[in-house]
Amino acid sequence: MFIVTPFGKDSSIRSALGFMSLTSRWGSLMFPGITVLTRDLHELQAIHSVIIEQKKKPGFDPKIIMHKSADDLVERKLIEIVGTEKMKGYKRQVMSFWQRYGSIVLYFDLFKSDFVPTVDRYRKIIFDNEIKFKANEPNDKKQSSINRKVRIENAAWYRDFVDGYVSNINLDDIDSTLKSNEIYWWFTGMKKPRNLEVPEIITLSRKLEFALTVWQSTLEASTHLLKLKKRIPKAKKLDSDEAISIFLNSVISRRELDDEERLERIVSSGLSLHNQCFNDGSFEKWKKDFSIWINNNHKGDMSIRPQRYINLHKLNRSKLVDISSIASLRSSQLLGALTDLHVDYCHIQRKSHAIYIQNFEIGELGNRLPSLSANYGGGRWGLFGYRFGASFSLYHSDKYKNVSKV
C-alpha cells in the first residue's frame, strides 16, 4: 500500500550555504507554476478528482483537501487511475499530496474546474502556448502571460536538449563527454556554442549553478581535510579546462570522503576555478545581464511582485551578500568568506547544530561533517539543477504509458 507519512522538518540543512533557497527561487523564475515536487500528472489527476468530489458535498471547505486526512482519499483515487500493479512503482513519500501539489492546484485554479483532464490535456494546459482553454477546465489565466511564455519556452528547450545532448552524457568518461561543446557548456555555463540557441535565463542559470557547485564542494572538501588535520591546498596553476576536468572527475569519483587525494584535488581545482572562471569580472557582467532580462521580461507586469526577483543575485536573508562580491574575492579569502556565510545561514534557520565549520582561519569545526552535496547523476547536474529534470518528468514519464484512465 502506498503510504504518505507526516512531513517533519529535517534537523539538518541540505544546503548549508543557503544555495538551495536561492536556486529554488530561480526554479520558480524559470518554470513558473511548477515546483520540484510536481512530477507526476497522475497524482495531479488524483488530487483534482478528490477536489471535484468534495466540492459536491454541502459546506465544502477547500481546507479539507489541505489536511493530512485527505491523503487517503487521494491515494485511493490514484489506485483507480493507474491500477494496483503500477501503484507498486510509486515510492513512499514523506510530504503529503497537498505539500507536493498544492502550489500547482492553486496556480492553475483547480478548485474552480468541474472535470479532470486527461494527461495529454494537462500537458497542453501546462506546456502548450497555442491551447484554447475549454470552459471550466484548469487554466492559469489569472497568472502573468509572461510567466506562461517563460515556462513553456524553457521546458520545451530542455526537452529538446535532453534528447540531443543530456541523454548522451557518460559520467564514467567525463573527459570524453566534455569534448562536446554543448555538454561542456551545460556542465560549466561557459563557452556556449554560437550555434546553440538557449533562452537567456537558462544561460544565466547554468553559470550560477556551476559557481555554487564549485564553492560549496570546495568548502565541504576543505572541512573534511581539516578534520583529518591536513593542510588546505592552494589554488593550482591550471588552465580552466584542466581544472574543470580535475574538479568534475574528483566530485564524481566513487572514492570515499576520507580519501585525502580526492579531497585535495577538489579543493585545489575548486580554488583554481574560482580564480580563473569567477574572479575575472564575469559575474559583474552576469549581474547586469540578469537585470536586463528581468527588465525586458517583467517590467510593468503588475501580476508579479518585483521584489521576488530583485535579490536573485544575492545570498542569505539576514545579511544579503551579492554573488558578484563572493566571485571577486581572491582564492585565499574565499573559504573564510564561505564559512561566515555558512554559519550565518545556519543561525538564520535556527539550526546552529548543523554548523560543520565555525571558523576557517583557526580550523574550528562544528558538530558534524558535511556530505559532498554535488550530484551529477539522476538529472541533478551539480547542486540543485534538478528543476530542469522536474519539468521534464512532469511532461514525459514512463508512468503515463498503458494506463487506461488518463
Foldseek 3Di string as FASTA:
>chain_A
DADAAEADDDLADLQLLQVVVLVQLLLCQQAPLAGLLQQAVLLVLLLLVVLLVQVPDPPRDPVVSVDQVCQVSSVVSSCVFQNPVLVVVDHHHHYGSCVRCVSNCVQQVSNQANDRDALVVVCCQQANPPDDDDPRHTHRVLFDPLSSVSNNVQLVLLVVCCVVQVVPQDLVCNVVSCVPQCVVCQQALPDRDPPDDDPPSVSLVSNVQNLSLLLVLLLQLVLLCLVVVHDADAADPDPLVVLVVQQSCLLSDPDDSNPNVSSNSSNNSSLNCLVHPQQPCVVVVSVVSLVVVCCVRCPPPPSDDCVSRPLSQWTDDPDTHGVSVLSNDHSVCNNQVSLVSSCVRCVVVVSNQNFQANGVVVSRGHNDRDDSQFDPPDCCSGHRRCSSVSSNSSSDDPSSPPGDND
